[in-house]
PDB file of N, CA and C in Angstrom:
ATOM      1  N   MET A   1       6.833  11.988 -22.033  1.00  0.00           N
ATOM      2  CA  MET A   1       6.572  12.630 -21.006  1.00  0.00           C
ATOM      3  C   MET A   1       7.380  12.234 -19.714  1.00  0.00           C
ATOM      4  N   ASN A   2       8.048  12.969 -19.251  1.00  0.00           N
ATOM      5  CA  ASN A   2       8.671  12.433 -18.086  1.00  0.00           C
ATOM      6  C   ASN A   2       8.242  11.880 -17.213  1.00  0.00           C
ATOM      7  N   LYS A   3       8.709  11.102 -16.125  1.00  0.00           N
ATOM      8  CA  LYS A   3       7.844  10.548 -15.094  1.00  0.00           C
ATOM      9  C   LYS A   3       8.705  11.437 -14.090  1.00  0.00           C
ATOM     10  N   ILE A   4       8.189  11.253 -13.176  1.00  0.00           N
ATOM     11  CA  ILE A   4       8.441  10.857 -11.569  1.00  0.00           C
ATOM     12  C   ILE A   4       8.509  10.565 -10.558  1.00  0.00           C
ATOM     13  N   ILE A   5       9.751   9.863 -10.207  1.00  0.00           N
ATOM     14  CA  ILE A   5       9.722   9.064  -8.784  1.00  0.00           C
ATOM     15  C   ILE A   5       9.876   9.103  -7.395  1.00  0.00           C
ATOM     16  N   ILE A   6       9.185   9.882  -6.535  1.00  0.00           N
ATOM     17  CA  ILE A   6      10.124   9.915  -5.096  1.00  0.00           C
ATOM     18  C   ILE A   6       9.550   9.061  -4.445  1.00  0.00           C
ATOM     19  N   LEU A   7      11.109   8.586  -3.824  1.00  0.00           N
ATOM     20  CA  LEU A   7      11.002   7.455  -2.180  1.00  0.00           C
ATOM     21  C   LEU A   7      11.645   8.470  -0.917  1.00  0.00           C
ATOM     22  N   LEU A   8      10.541   8.356  -0.442  1.00  0.00           N
ATOM     23  CA  LEU A   8      11.261   8.876   0.975  1.00  0.00           C
ATOM     24  C   LEU A   8      11.109   8.114   1.951  1.00  0.00           C
ATOM     25  N   PRO A   9      12.219   8.097   2.701  1.00  0.00           N
ATOM     26  CA  PRO A   9      13.261   6.927   4.023  1.00  0.00           C
ATOM     27  C   PRO A   9      11.745   7.305   4.947  1.00  0.00           C
ATOM     28  N   ILE A  10      11.193   6.396   5.689  1.00  0.00           N
ATOM     29  CA  ILE A  10      10.570   6.252   7.277  1.00  0.00           C
ATOM     30  C   ILE A  10      10.877   6.462   7.948  1.00  0.00           C
ATOM     31  N   SER A  11      11.214   7.370   9.106  1.00  0.00           N
ATOM     32  CA  SER A  11      11.704   7.355  10.097  1.00  0.00           C
ATOM     33  C   SER A  11      11.090   6.686  11.335  1.00  0.00           C
ATOM     34  N   LYS A  12      12.190   5.998  11.769  1.00  0.00           N
ATOM     35  CA  LYS A  12      11.632   4.868  12.754  1.00  0.00           C
ATOM     36  C   LYS A  12      10.377   5.735  14.012  1.00  0.00           C
ATOM     37  N   LYS A  13       9.944   6.666  13.757  1.00  0.00           N
ATOM     38  CA  LYS A  13       9.214   7.512  14.733  1.00  0.00           C
ATOM     39  C   LYS A  13       7.889   7.490  14.805  1.00  0.00           C
ATOM     40  N   LYS A  14       6.717   6.736  15.167  1.00  0.00           N
ATOM     41  CA  LYS A  14       5.882   7.128  15.390  1.00  0.00           C
ATOM     42  C   LYS A  14       4.473   7.800  14.201  1.00  0.00           C
ATOM     43  N   ILE A  15       4.404   7.765  13.735  1.00  0.00           N
ATOM     44  CA  ILE A  15       3.749   8.291  12.426  1.00  0.00           C
ATOM     45  C   ILE A  15       2.253   8.468  12.411  1.00  0.00           C
ATOM     46  N   THR A  16       1.430   9.339  12.248  1.00  0.00           N
ATOM     47  CA  THR A  16      -0.370   8.609  12.575  1.00  0.00           C
ATOM     48  C   THR A  16      -0.777   9.376  11.215  1.00  0.00           C
ATOM     49  N   LEU A  17      -1.997   9.567  11.050  1.00  0.00           N
ATOM     50  CA  LEU A  17      -2.809  10.276  10.099  1.00  0.00           C
ATOM     51  C   LEU A  17      -4.068  10.916  10.503  1.00  0.00           C
ATOM     52  N   ALA A  18      -3.869  10.741  12.348  1.00  0.00           N
ATOM     53  CA  ALA A  18      -4.776  11.408  12.855  1.00  0.00           C
ATOM     54  C   ALA A  18      -4.920  12.688  12.400  1.00  0.00           C
ATOM     55  N   GLY A  19      -6.750  13.445  12.150  1.00  0.00           N
ATOM     56  CA  GLY A  19      -6.728  14.836  11.502  1.00  0.00           C
ATOM     57  C   GLY A  19      -6.896  14.970  10.594  1.00  0.00           C
ATOM     58  N   LEU A  20      -6.188  14.237   9.934  1.00  0.00           N
ATOM     59  CA  LEU A  20      -6.237  14.327   8.196  1.00  0.00           C
ATOM     60  C   LEU A  20      -7.797  13.616   7.855  1.00  0.00           C
ATOM     61  N   PHE A  21      -7.929  12.783   8.077  1.00  0.00           N
ATOM     62  CA  PHE A  21      -9.429  12.107   7.936  1.00  0.00           C
ATOM     63  C   PHE A  21      -9.975  12.180   9.289  1.00  0.00           C
ATOM     64  N   SER A  22      -9.959  12.726   9.886  1.00  0.00           N
ATOM     65  CA  SER A  22     -11.209  13.188  10.954  1.00  0.00           C
ATOM     66  C   SER A  22     -12.782  13.192  10.766  1.00  0.00           C
ATOM     67  N   ASP A  23     -13.288  13.529   9.546  1.00  0.00           N
ATOM     68  CA  ASP A  23     -14.713  13.844   9.182  1.00  0.00           C
ATOM     69  C   ASP A  23     -14.847  12.689   8.492  1.00  0.00           C
ATOM     70  N   ILE A  24     -14.040  11.758   8.493  1.00  0.00           N
ATOM     71  CA  ILE A  24     -14.953  11.093   7.569  1.00  0.00           C
ATOM     72  C   ILE A  24     -15.488   9.715   7.718  1.00  0.00           C
ATOM     73  N   GLU A  25     -16.313   9.078   7.418  1.00  0.00           N
ATOM     74  CA  GLU A  25     -16.600   7.521   8.177  1.00  0.00           C
ATOM     75  C   GLU A  25     -16.111   6.493   8.074  1.00  0.00           C
ATOM     76  N   ASN A  26     -15.625   5.444   8.891  1.00  0.00           N
ATOM     77  CA  ASN A  26     -15.112   4.180   8.435  1.00  0.00           C
ATOM     78  C   ASN A  26     -15.953   3.624   6.986  1.00  0.00           C
ATOM     79  N   THR A  27     -16.335   3.624   6.726  1.00  0.00           N
ATOM     80  CA  THR A  27     -17.191   2.618   5.413  1.00  0.00           C
ATOM     81  C   THR A  27     -15.870   3.432   4.316  1.00  0.00           C
ATOM     82  N   ASP A  28     -15.799   5.147   4.303  1.00  0.00           N
ATOM     83  CA  ASP A  28     -15.207   5.810   2.852  1.00  0.00           C
ATOM     84  C   ASP A  28     -13.735   5.634   3.252  1.00  0.00           C
ATOM     85  N   PHE A  29     -13.303   4.801   4.261  1.00  0.00           N
ATOM     86  CA  PHE A  29     -11.949   5.212   4.859  1.00  0.00           C
ATOM     87  C   PHE A  29     -10.788   4.476   3.307  1.00  0.00           C
ATOM     88  N   GLN A  30     -11.133   3.683   2.942  1.00  0.00           N
ATOM     89  CA  GLN A  30     -10.354   3.364   1.647  1.00  0.00           C
ATOM     90  C   GLN A  30     -10.185   4.315   0.778  1.00  0.00           C
ATOM     91  N   SER A  31     -11.389   4.366   0.424  1.00  0.00           N
ATOM     92  CA  SER A  31     -11.967   5.663  -0.647  1.00  0.00           C
ATOM     93  C   SER A  31     -11.325   6.596  -0.349  1.00  0.00           C
ATOM     94  N   ASN A  32     -11.261   6.992   1.266  1.00  0.00           N
ATOM     95  CA  ASN A  32     -10.653   8.845   1.044  1.00  0.00           C
ATOM     96  C   ASN A  32      -9.077   8.096   1.001  1.00  0.00           C
ATOM     97  N   LEU A  33      -8.433   7.202   1.217  1.00  0.00           N
ATOM     98  CA  LEU A  33      -7.052   7.371   1.174  1.00  0.00           C
ATOM     99  C   LEU A  33      -6.369   7.005   0.020  1.00  0.00           C
ATOM    100  N   LEU A  34      -7.380   5.980  -0.834  1.00  0.00           N
ATOM    101  CA  LEU A  34      -6.728   6.513  -2.339  1.00  0.00           C
ATOM    102  C   LEU A  34      -7.103   7.724  -2.847  1.00  0.00           C
ATOM    103  N   SER A  35      -7.880   8.663  -2.153  1.00  0.00           N
ATOM    104  CA  SER A  35      -8.007   9.521  -2.999  1.00  0.00           C
ATOM    105  C   SER A  35      -6.628  10.467  -2.568  1.00  0.00           C
ATOM    106  N   ALA A  36      -6.489  10.371  -1.499  1.00  0.00           N
ATOM    107  CA  ALA A  36      -5.279  10.820  -0.755  1.00  0.00           C
ATOM    108  C   ALA A  36      -4.501  10.563  -1.503  1.00  0.00           C
ATOM    109  N   PHE A  37      -3.984   9.575  -1.727  1.00  0.00           N
ATOM    110  CA  PHE A  37      -2.542   9.001  -2.685  1.00  0.00           C
ATOM    111  C   PHE A  37      -2.924   9.230  -3.744  1.00  0.00           C
ATOM    112  N   ASN A  38      -3.901   9.578  -4.524  1.00  0.00           N
ATOM    113  CA  ASN A  38      -3.580  10.248  -5.786  1.00  0.00           C
ATOM    114  C   ASN A  38      -3.627  11.552  -6.203  1.00  0.00           C
ATOM    115  N   GLY A  39      -3.791  11.975  -4.788  1.00  0.00           N
ATOM    116  CA  GLY A  39      -3.416  13.744  -4.544  1.00  0.00           C
ATOM    117  C   GLY A  39      -4.530  14.190  -5.396  1.00  0.00           C
ATOM    118  N   GLU A  40      -6.136  13.795  -5.291  1.00  0.00           N
ATOM    119  CA  GLU A  40      -7.277  14.529  -5.318  1.00  0.00           C
ATOM    120  C   GLU A  40      -7.555  15.926  -4.707  1.00  0.00           C
ATOM    121  N   ASN A  41      -6.699  15.452  -3.601  1.00  0.00           N
ATOM    122  CA  ASN A  41      -7.603  16.450  -2.495  1.00  0.00           C
ATOM    123  C   ASN A  41      -5.990  17.180  -2.530  1.00  0.00           C
ATOM    124  N   PRO A  42      -6.050  18.773  -2.867  1.00  0.00           N
ATOM    125  CA  PRO A  42      -5.291  19.823  -2.688  1.00  0.00           C
ATOM    126  C   PRO A  42      -4.646  20.182  -1.862  1.00  0.00           C
ATOM    127  N   ASP A  43      -5.361  19.869  -0.559  1.00  0.00           N
ATOM    128  CA  ASP A  43      -5.333  19.930   0.899  1.00  0.00           C
ATOM    129  C   ASP A  43      -4.050  19.251   1.405  1.00  0.00           C
ATOM    130  N   ILE A  44      -3.560  17.661   1.147  1.00  0.00           N
ATOM    131  CA  ILE A  44      -2.983  17.048   1.583  1.00  0.00           C
ATOM    132  C   ILE A  44      -1.851  17.008   1.060  1.00  0.00           C
ATOM    133  N   ASN A  45      -0.324  16.908   1.836  1.00  0.00           N
ATOM    134  CA  ASN A  45       0.788  17.181   1.641  1.00  0.00           C
ATOM    135  C   ASN A  45       1.264  16.029   0.836  1.00  0.00           C
ATOM    136  N   LEU A  46       2.895  16.566   0.386  1.00  0.00           N
ATOM    137  CA  LEU A  46       3.330  14.771  -0.137  1.00  0.00           C
ATOM    138  C   LEU A  46       3.552  13.944   0.179  1.00  0.00           C
ATOM    139  N   PHE A  47       4.070  14.374   1.571  1.00  0.00           N
ATOM    140  CA  PHE A  47       4.677  13.046   3.016  1.00  0.00           C
ATOM    141  C   PHE A  47       2.817  12.387   2.948  1.00  0.00           C
ATOM    142  N   ASN A  48       1.829  12.910   3.400  1.00  0.00           N
ATOM    143  CA  ASN A  48       0.320  12.389   3.985  1.00  0.00           C
ATOM    144  C   ASN A  48       0.558  12.084   2.695  1.00  0.00           C
ATOM    145  N   ARG A  49       0.353  11.884   1.505  1.00  0.00           N
ATOM    146  CA  ARG A  49      -0.159  11.459   0.245  1.00  0.00           C
ATOM    147  C   ARG A  49       0.543  10.144   0.371  1.00  0.00           C
ATOM    148  N   GLY A  50       2.177   9.693   0.483  1.00  0.00           N
ATOM    149  CA  GLY A  50       2.720   9.107   0.651  1.00  0.00           C
ATOM    150  C   GLY A  50       1.640   7.836   1.743  1.00  0.00           C
ATOM    151  N   LEU A  51       1.812   8.588   3.006  1.00  0.00           N
ATOM    152  CA  LEU A  51       1.034   7.522   3.902  1.00  0.00           C
ATOM    153  C   LEU A  51       0.372   7.199   3.774  1.00  0.00           C
ATOM    154  N   ALA A  52      -0.277   8.064   2.932  1.00  0.00           N
ATOM    155  CA  ALA A  52      -1.840   6.891   2.766  1.00  0.00           C
ATOM    156  C   ALA A  52      -1.756   6.245   1.904  1.00  0.00           C
ATOM    157  N   GLY A  53      -0.706   5.461   0.929  1.00  0.00           N
ATOM    158  CA  GLY A  53      -0.473   4.821   0.271  1.00  0.00           C
ATOM    159  C   GLY A  53       0.362   3.792   0.722  1.00  0.00           C
ATOM    160  N   LEU A  54       0.982   4.381   1.923  1.00  0.00           N
ATOM    161  CA  LEU A  54       1.328   2.938   2.589  1.00  0.00           C
ATOM    162  C   LEU A  54       0.205   1.915   3.621  1.00  0.00           C
ATOM    163  N   CYS A  55      -0.399   2.900   3.892  1.00  0.00           N
ATOM    164  CA  CYS A  55      -2.046   3.057   4.707  1.00  0.00           C
ATOM    165  C   CYS A  55      -2.402   1.612   3.572  1.00  0.00           C
ATOM    166  N   LEU A  56      -2.810   1.556   2.554  1.00  0.00           N
ATOM    167  CA  LEU A  56      -3.381   1.014   1.062  1.00  0.00           C
ATOM    168  C   LEU A  56      -2.990  -0.355   1.247  1.00  0.00           C
ATOM    169  N   ARG A  57      -1.312   0.054   1.253  1.00  0.00           N
ATOM    170  CA  ARG A  57      -0.566  -1.367   0.942  1.00  0.00           C
ATOM    171  C   ARG A  57      -0.138  -2.452   1.916  1.00  0.00           C
ATOM    172  N   CYS A  58      -0.908  -2.044   3.067  1.00  0.00           N
ATOM    173  CA  CYS A  58      -1.089  -2.659   4.641  1.00  0.00           C
ATOM    174  C   CYS A  58      -2.572  -3.249   4.188  1.00  0.00           C
ATOM    175  N   TYR A  59      -3.332  -2.539   3.786  1.00  0.00           N
ATOM    176  CA  TYR A  59      -4.426  -2.779   4.008  1.00  0.00           C
ATOM    177  C   TYR A  59      -5.008  -4.147   2.558  1.00  0.00           C
ATOM    178  N   ILE A  60      -4.041  -4.388   1.774  1.00  0.00           N
ATOM    179  CA  ILE A  60      -4.277  -5.291   1.244  1.00  0.00           C
ATOM    180  C   ILE A  60      -3.570  -6.517   1.403  1.00  0.00           C
ATOM    181  N   SER A  61      -2.665  -6.718   2.389  1.00  0.00           N
ATOM    182  CA  SER A  61      -1.376  -7.720   2.474  1.00  0.00           C
ATOM    183  C   SER A  61      -2.188  -8.463   2.711  1.00  0.00           C
ATOM    184  N   GLU A  62      -3.442  -8.205   3.406  1.00  0.00           N
ATOM    185  CA  GLU A  62      -3.101  -9.852   4.126  1.00  0.00           C
ATOM    186  C   GLU A  62      -4.438 -10.352   3.321  1.00  0.00           C
ATOM    187  N   ALA A  63      -5.189 -10.004   2.146  1.00  0.00           N
ATOM    188  CA  ALA A  63      -5.349 -10.117   1.438  1.00  0.00           C
ATOM    189  C   ALA A  63      -4.436 -11.177   0.001  1.00  0.00           C
ATOM    190  N   ILE A  64      -3.041 -10.609  -0.405  1.00  0.00           N
ATOM    191  CA  ILE A  64      -2.520 -11.267  -0.447  1.00  0.00           C
ATOM    192  C   ILE A  64      -1.822 -12.600   0.095  1.00  0.00           C
ATOM    193  N   VAL A  65      -1.950 -12.300   1.151  1.00  0.00           N
ATOM    194  CA  VAL A  65      -1.605 -13.869   2.368  1.00  0.00           C
ATOM    195  C   VAL A  65      -2.570 -14.805   1.900  1.00  0.00           C
ATOM    196  N   GLN A  66      -3.677 -14.644   1.947  1.00  0.00           N
ATOM    197  CA  GLN A  66      -4.956 -15.192   1.710  1.00  0.00           C
ATOM    198  C   GLN A  66      -4.419 -15.630   0.990  1.00  0.00           C
ATOM    199  N   GLU A  67      -5.044 -15.376  -0.357  1.00  0.00           N
ATOM    200  CA  GLU A  67      -5.205 -15.845  -1.833  1.00  0.00           C
ATOM    201  C   GLU A  67      -3.269 -17.124  -1.965  1.00  0.00           C
ATOM    202  N   CYS A  68      -2.508 -16.082  -1.268  1.00  0.00           N
ATOM    203  CA  CYS A  68      -1.362 -17.007  -1.527  1.00  0.00           C
ATOM    204  C   CYS A  68      -1.490 -18.817  -0.919  1.00  0.00           C
ATOM    205  N   LYS A  69      -1.973 -18.191   0.233  1.00  0.00           N
ATOM    206  CA  LYS A  69      -2.547 -20.031   1.107  1.00  0.00           C
ATOM    207  C   LYS A  69      -3.340 -20.449  -0.071  1.00  0.00           C
ATOM    208  N   ARG A  70      -4.247 -19.720  -0.337  1.00  0.00           N
ATOM    209  CA  ARG A  70      -5.510 -20.440  -1.287  1.00  0.00           C
ATOM    210  C   ARG A  70      -4.539 -21.258  -2.633  1.00  0.00           C
ATOM    211  N   ILE A  71      -3.785 -20.351  -2.963  1.00  0.00           N
ATOM    212  CA  ILE A  71      -2.865 -21.034  -3.823  1.00  0.00           C
ATOM    213  C   ILE A  71      -2.349 -22.171  -3.696  1.00  0.00           C
ATOM    214  N   ASP A  72      -1.491 -22.654  -2.508  1.00  0.00           N
ATOM    215  CA  ASP A  72      -0.618 -23.218  -2.238  1.00  0.00           C
ATOM    216  C   ASP A  72      -1.708 -24.925  -1.729  1.00  0.00           C
ATOM    217  N   TYR A  73      -2.889 -24.309  -1.065  1.00  0.00           N
ATOM    218  CA  TYR A  73      -4.122 -25.121  -0.892  1.00  0.00           C
ATOM    219  C   TYR A  73      -4.333 -26.163  -2.472  1.00  0.00           C
ATOM    220  N   LEU A  74      -4.519 -24.721  -3.437  1.00  0.00           N
ATOM    221  CA  LEU A  74      -5.225 -25.438  -4.633  1.00  0.00           C
ATOM    222  C   LEU A  74      -4.090 -26.583  -5.942  1.00  0.00           C
ATOM    223  N   TYR A  75      -2.676 -26.429  -5.201  1.00  0.00           N
ATOM    224  CA  TYR A  75      -1.719 -26.910  -5.977  1.00  0.00           C
ATOM    225  C   TYR A  75      -0.909 -28.084  -4.502  1.00  0.00           C
ATOM    226  N   SER A  76      -1.381 -28.621  -3.807  1.00  0.00           N
ATOM    227  CA  SER A  76      -0.798 -29.468  -2.784  1.00  0.00           C
ATOM    228  C   SER A  76      -0.532 -30.364  -3.419  1.00  0.00           C
ATOM    229  N   GLY A  77      -0.890 -31.025  -3.766  1.00  0.00           N
ATOM    230  CA  GLY A  77      -0.371 -32.103  -4.628  1.00  0.00           C
ATOM    231  C   GLY A  77       0.707 -32.339  -4.936  1.00  0.00           C
ATOM    232  N   GLU A  78       0.971 -31.693  -6.387  1.00  0.00           N
ATOM    233  CA  GLU A  78       2.090 -31.781  -6.807  1.00  0.00           C
ATOM    234  C   GLU A  78       3.151 -30.761  -7.119  1.00  0.00           C
ATOM    235  N   LYS A  79       3.505 -30.029  -6.267  1.00  0.00           N
ATOM    236  CA  LYS A  79       4.167 -28.829  -6.026  1.00  0.00           C
ATOM    237  C   LYS A  79       5.100 -29.011  -5.259  1.00  0.00           C
ATOM    238  N   ARG A  80       6.601 -27.389  -5.644  1.00  0.00           N
ATOM    239  CA  ARG A  80       7.403 -27.287  -4.788  1.00  0.00           C
ATOM    240  C   ARG A  80       7.706 -26.602  -4.155  1.00  0.00           C
ATOM    241  N   PHE A  81       6.321 -26.094  -3.773  1.00  0.00           N
ATOM    242  CA  PHE A  81       6.908 -24.599  -3.034  1.00  0.00           C
ATOM    243  C   PHE A  81       5.288 -24.710  -1.610  1.00  0.00           C
ATOM    244  N   ASN A  82       5.167 -23.619  -1.060  1.00  0.00           N
ATOM    245  CA  ASN A  82       4.110 -22.950  -0.196  1.00  0.00           C
ATOM    246  C   ASN A  82       4.772 -22.060  -0.232  1.00  0.00           C
ATOM    247  N   TYR A  83       3.202 -21.929   0.577  1.00  0.00           N
ATOM    248  CA  TYR A  83       2.697 -20.038   0.440  1.00  0.00           C
ATOM    249  C   TYR A  83       3.736 -19.435   1.294  1.00  0.00           C
ATOM    250  N   ARG A  84       4.731 -19.463   1.766  1.00  0.00           N
ATOM    251  CA  ARG A  84       5.924 -19.007   2.116  1.00  0.00           C
ATOM    252  C   ARG A  84       6.891 -18.508   1.002  1.00  0.00           C
ATOM    253  N   TYR A  85       6.989 -19.528   0.470  1.00  0.00           N
ATOM    254  CA  TYR A  85       7.679 -19.468  -0.661  1.00  0.00           C
ATOM    255  C   TYR A  85       6.974 -18.077  -1.862  1.00  0.00           C
ATOM    256  N   LEU A  86       5.883 -18.629  -1.784  1.00  0.00           N
ATOM    257  CA  LEU A  86       5.359 -17.312  -3.362  1.00  0.00           C
ATOM    258  C   LEU A  86       4.913 -16.041  -2.260  1.00  0.00           C
ATOM    259  N   LEU A  87       5.222 -16.025  -1.277  1.00  0.00           N
ATOM    260  CA  LEU A  87       5.344 -14.371  -0.191  1.00  0.00           C
ATOM    261  C   LEU A  87       6.488 -13.738  -0.627  1.00  0.00           C
ATOM    262  N   HIS A  88       7.204 -14.029  -0.950  1.00  0.00           N
ATOM    263  CA  HIS A  88       8.695 -13.498  -1.381  1.00  0.00           C
ATOM    264  C   HIS A  88       8.232 -12.918  -2.295  1.00  0.00           C
ATOM    265  N   PHE A  89       7.650 -12.994  -3.598  1.00  0.00           N
ATOM    266  CA  PHE A  89       7.512 -12.397  -5.106  1.00  0.00           C
ATOM    267  C   PHE A  89       6.719 -11.439  -4.163  1.00  0.00           C
ATOM    268  N   VAL A  90       5.175 -11.573  -4.030  1.00  0.00           N
ATOM    269  CA  VAL A  90       4.397 -10.596  -4.302  1.00  0.00           C
ATOM    270  C   VAL A  90       4.508  -9.782  -2.916  1.00  0.00           C
ATOM    271  N   LEU A  91       4.587  -9.633  -1.704  1.00  0.00           N
ATOM    272  CA  LEU A  91       4.715  -8.986  -0.646  1.00  0.00           C
ATOM    273  C   LEU A  91       6.627  -8.870  -0.352  1.00  0.00           C
ATOM    274  N   ASN A  92       6.902  -8.193  -1.119  1.00  0.00           N
ATOM    275  CA  ASN A  92       8.567  -7.507  -1.236  1.00  0.00           C
ATOM    276  C   ASN A  92       8.575  -6.263  -0.686  1.00  0.00           C
ATOM    277  N   ASP A  93       7.746  -5.800  -0.033  1.00  0.00           N
ATOM    278  CA  ASP A  93       7.315  -4.216   0.175  1.00  0.00           C
ATOM    279  C   ASP A  93       7.872  -4.460   1.877  1.00  0.00           C
ATOM    280  N   ASP A  94       8.945  -3.632   2.345  1.00  0.00           N
ATOM    281  CA  ASP A  94       9.717  -3.637   3.382  1.00  0.00           C
ATOM    282  C   ASP A  94       8.778  -2.146   4.289  1.00  0.00           C
ATOM    283  N   GLY A  95       8.155  -1.452   3.216  1.00  0.00           N
ATOM    284  CA  GLY A  95       7.818  -0.348   4.247  1.00  0.00           C
ATOM    285  C   GLY A  95       8.384   0.764   4.550  1.00  0.00           C
ATOM    286  N   GLN A  96       9.282   0.554   4.002  1.00  0.00           N
ATOM    287  CA  GLN A  96      10.278   1.864   4.986  1.00  0.00           C
ATOM    288  C   GLN A  96      10.400   2.874   3.767  1.00  0.00           C
ATOM    289  N   ASN A  97      10.141   3.121   2.659  1.00  0.00           N
ATOM    290  CA  ASN A  97       9.705   3.867   1.393  1.00  0.00           C
ATOM    291  C   ASN A  97       8.523   4.140   1.240  1.00  0.00           C
ATOM    292  N   LEU A  98       7.879   6.019   1.353  1.00  0.00           N
ATOM    293  CA  LEU A  98       6.544   6.118   0.522  1.00  0.00           C
ATOM    294  C   LEU A  98       7.006   6.515  -1.080  1.00  0.00           C
ATOM    295  N   ILE A  99       5.696   5.737  -1.932  1.00  0.00           N
ATOM    296  CA  ILE A  99       6.088   5.480  -2.489  1.00  0.00           C
ATOM    297  C   ILE A  99       4.686   6.252  -3.278  1.00  0.00           C
ATOM    298  N   PHE A 100       4.711   7.128  -4.824  1.00  0.00           N
ATOM    299  CA  PHE A 100       3.638   7.983  -5.197  1.00  0.00           C
ATOM    300  C   PHE A 100       4.025   7.866  -6.452  1.00  0.00           C
ATOM    301  N   LEU A 101       2.450   8.336  -7.088  1.00  0.00           N
ATOM    302  CA  LEU A 101       2.807   8.324  -8.589  1.00  0.00           C
ATOM    303  C   LEU A 101       2.900   9.514  -9.058  1.00  0.00           C
ATOM    304  N   ASP A 102       3.070   9.676 -10.632  1.00  0.00           N
ATOM    305  CA  ASP A 102       2.615  10.646 -11.136  1.00  0.00           C
ATOM    306  C   ASP A 102       1.514  10.516 -12.209  1.00  0.00           C
ATOM    307  N   LYS A 103       1.228  11.965 -12.761  1.00  0.00           N
ATOM    308  CA  LYS A 103       0.124  12.004 -13.246  1.00  0.00           C
ATOM    309  C   LYS A 103      -0.774  10.795 -13.926  1.00  0.00           C
ATOM    310  N   ASP A 104       0.199   9.842 -14.471  1.00  0.00           N
ATOM    311  CA  ASP A 104      -0.579   9.043 -15.290  1.00  0.00           C
ATOM    312  C   ASP A 104      -0.838   7.608 -14.450  1.00  0.00           C
ATOM    313  N   SER A 105      -0.270   7.661 -13.141  1.00  0.00           N
ATOM    314  CA  SER A 105      -0.944   6.765 -12.275  1.00  0.00           C
ATOM    315  C   SER A 105       0.446   5.548 -12.347  1.00  0.00           C
ATOM    316  N   GLU A 106       1.626   5.698 -12.589  1.00  0.00           N
ATOM    317  CA  GLU A 106       2.952   4.765 -12.317  1.00  0.00           C
ATOM    318  C   GLU A 106       3.580   5.510 -11.726  1.00  0.00           C
ATOM    319  N   THR A 107       4.167   4.315 -11.454  1.00  0.00           N
ATOM    320  CA  THR A 107       5.355   4.490 -10.231  1.00  0.00           C
ATOM    321  C   THR A 107       6.451   5.308 -10.837  1.00  0.00           C
TER     322      THR A 107
END
């Protein structure tokens, strides 16, 4: 099966998702973003799907930073790295491109 990968550059203009999810509760926001990103709602266009994915990537980045700090703390005795060194490997996304998944959930 052919896989399609689409990367769209994001302009430097301010982009918001206002109105896209205006009728949902805050508690459901991440699940609605995931649903939009996965293309489960046919009313959401491809660009907004990518923006939903970007929001999710931003949302998890803080948890990734905290986990890298925890690893740094756990192995503080005999290591030659710090958490910033680990971030280079796990947070290498500058957010300049929108990423989409195909129907098999692969990029």
